[in-house]
Amino acid sequence: MSQYACAGEARGAVFVLRSTGYLDENAGMSLRKAVEEAFPKGFRNFVLNFAGSPVINSQGIAQLIEITEIVVDEKKGKLAFTGLNDLTMNVFKMVGLLRMGTAFPTEDAAVGSF
């Protein structure tokens, strides 16, 4: 599997995180840390782009659930997801991630939803 990387970019009032590589527990913790570091900068709306991470294991999903609880429940923010393939879309539905955030076909559509 490829080396994991997470890149963040502010797009107006939305913070976009682009995930690249295999998303396991450690990668999920890296993504979570990036989200948590955006809060003090005033961000509450996030787009998580998984186009570069076609494989997310169960521990990675657990970290994403933690991220959604922090953003939506604790910080009263909003989440959008993009770059989901058929498998990850179905997993996100099954574990309830799509009840906490919305999936969009493109990053621009996700950013525009806020």
Protein backbone atom coordinates (compact mmCIF):
# COMPACT_ATOMS: atom_id res chain seq x y z
CA MET A 1 0.00 0.00 0.00
CA SER A 2 1.10 3.54 -0.64
CA GLN A 3 2.44 5.90 1.99
CA TYR A 4 -0.36 7.89 3.62
CA ALA A 5 -0.54 11.67 3.34
CA CYS A 6 -3.14 14.23 4.35
CA ALA A 7 -3.14 17.72 2.85
CA GLY A 8 -5.33 20.55 4.13
CA GLU A 9 -6.50 23.69 2.39
CA ALA A 10 -8.74 26.55 3.50
CA ARG A 11 -11.40 27.36 0.92
CA GLY A 12 -13.22 30.31 2.41
CA ALA A 13 -14.92 29.18 5.61
CA VAL A 14 -14.46 25.51 4.69
CA PHE A 15 -11.41 23.41 5.49
CA VAL A 16 -10.71 20.73 2.88
CA LEU A 17 -8.67 17.66 3.79
CA ARG A 18 -7.42 15.44 0.97
CA SER A 19 -6.49 11.92 1.97
CA THR A 20 -3.98 9.97 -0.11
CA GLY A 21 -2.98 6.37 0.44
CA TYR A 22 -4.20 3.50 2.59
CA LEU A 23 -6.38 4.82 5.41
CA ASP A 24 -5.74 2.68 8.47
CA GLU A 25 -5.81 3.57 12.17
CA ASN A 26 -2.60 5.63 12.08
CA ALA A 27 -3.71 7.46 8.94
CA GLY A 28 -7.08 8.10 10.57
CA MET A 29 -5.37 9.57 13.61
CA SER A 30 -3.36 11.82 11.28
CA LEU A 31 -6.59 12.99 9.64
CA ARG A 32 -8.18 13.53 13.06
CA LYS A 33 -5.20 15.61 14.19
CA ALA A 34 -5.51 17.79 11.06
CA VAL A 35 -9.21 18.38 11.83
CA GLU A 36 -8.47 19.21 15.47
CA GLU A 37 -5.73 21.67 14.44
CA ALA A 38 -8.23 23.53 12.21
CA PHE A 39 -10.64 24.31 15.08
CA PRO A 40 -8.48 27.02 16.72
CA LYS A 41 -8.27 28.70 13.30
CA GLY A 42 -12.06 29.10 13.35
CA PHE A 43 -13.07 26.25 11.05
CA ARG A 44 -16.22 24.25 11.78
CA ASN A 45 -17.10 23.10 8.23
CA PHE A 46 -15.01 20.34 6.70
CA VAL A 47 -14.79 18.51 3.38
CA LEU A 48 -13.02 15.16 3.56
CA ASN A 49 -11.85 14.12 0.10
CA PHE A 50 -11.06 10.41 -0.21
CA ALA A 51 -10.37 10.28 -3.96
CA GLY A 52 -6.75 9.36 -3.20
CA SER A 53 -7.69 6.73 -0.60
CA PRO A 54 -9.72 4.00 -2.29
CA VAL A 55 -9.11 1.59 0.62
CA ILE A 56 -10.15 2.36 4.19
CA ASN A 57 -9.85 -0.43 6.75
CA SER A 58 -12.06 -0.93 9.80
CA GLN A 59 -9.73 0.94 12.15
CA GLY A 60 -9.68 3.82 9.67
CA ILE A 61 -13.48 3.82 9.66
CA ALA A 62 -13.44 3.91 13.47
CA GLN A 63 -11.24 7.02 13.34
CA LEU A 64 -13.63 8.64 10.83
CA ILE A 65 -16.53 7.97 13.21
CA GLU A 66 -14.54 9.71 15.95
CA ILE A 67 -13.92 12.67 13.62
CA THR A 68 -17.61 12.98 12.81
CA GLU A 69 -18.53 12.92 16.50
CA ILE A 70 -16.01 15.66 17.24
CA VAL A 71 -17.02 17.88 14.32
CA VAL A 72 -20.79 17.41 14.41
CA ASP A 73 -21.62 16.63 18.05
CA GLU A 74 -18.93 18.43 20.03
CA LYS A 75 -18.09 21.41 17.82
CA LYS A 76 -21.53 21.76 16.14
CA GLY A 77 -19.88 21.83 12.72
CA LYS A 78 -20.72 20.22 9.41
CA LEU A 79 -19.08 17.55 7.28
CA ALA A 80 -19.12 16.70 3.61
CA PHE A 81 -17.45 13.72 1.96
CA THR A 82 -16.23 13.36 -1.60
CA GLY A 83 -14.12 10.94 -3.61
CA LEU A 84 -15.99 7.89 -2.34
CA ASN A 85 -15.95 4.80 -4.50
CA ASP A 86 -18.86 2.33 -4.48
CA LEU A 87 -17.35 0.24 -1.67
CA THR A 88 -16.54 3.15 0.62
CA MET A 89 -19.92 4.75 -0.11
CA ASN A 90 -21.66 1.57 1.03
CA VAL A 91 -19.48 1.26 4.13
CA PHE A 92 -20.15 4.92 5.03
CA LYS A 93 -23.90 4.22 4.72
CA MET A 94 -23.71 1.05 6.82
CA VAL A 95 -21.79 2.61 9.71
CA GLY A 96 -23.86 5.80 9.79
CA LEU A 97 -21.27 8.28 8.53
CA LEU A 98 -23.74 9.55 5.92
CA ARG A 99 -26.16 10.46 8.71
CA MET A 100 -23.48 12.77 10.13
CA GLY A 101 -22.28 14.20 6.82
CA THR A 102 -23.29 14.32 3.18
CA ALA A 103 -21.55 12.73 0.19
CA PHE A 104 -20.96 14.82 -2.94
CA PRO A 105 -19.68 13.82 -6.39
CA THR A 106 -16.97 16.51 -6.48
CA GLU A 107 -14.93 18.56 -4.06
CA ASP A 108 -16.30 21.79 -5.56
CA ALA A 109 -19.89 20.59 -5.00
CA ALA A 110 -19.03 19.69 -1.40
CA VAL A 111 -17.42 23.08 -0.72
CA GLY A 112 -20.38 24.83 -2.35
CA SER A 113 -22.82 23.05 -0.05
CA PHE A 114 -21.83 25.16 2.96
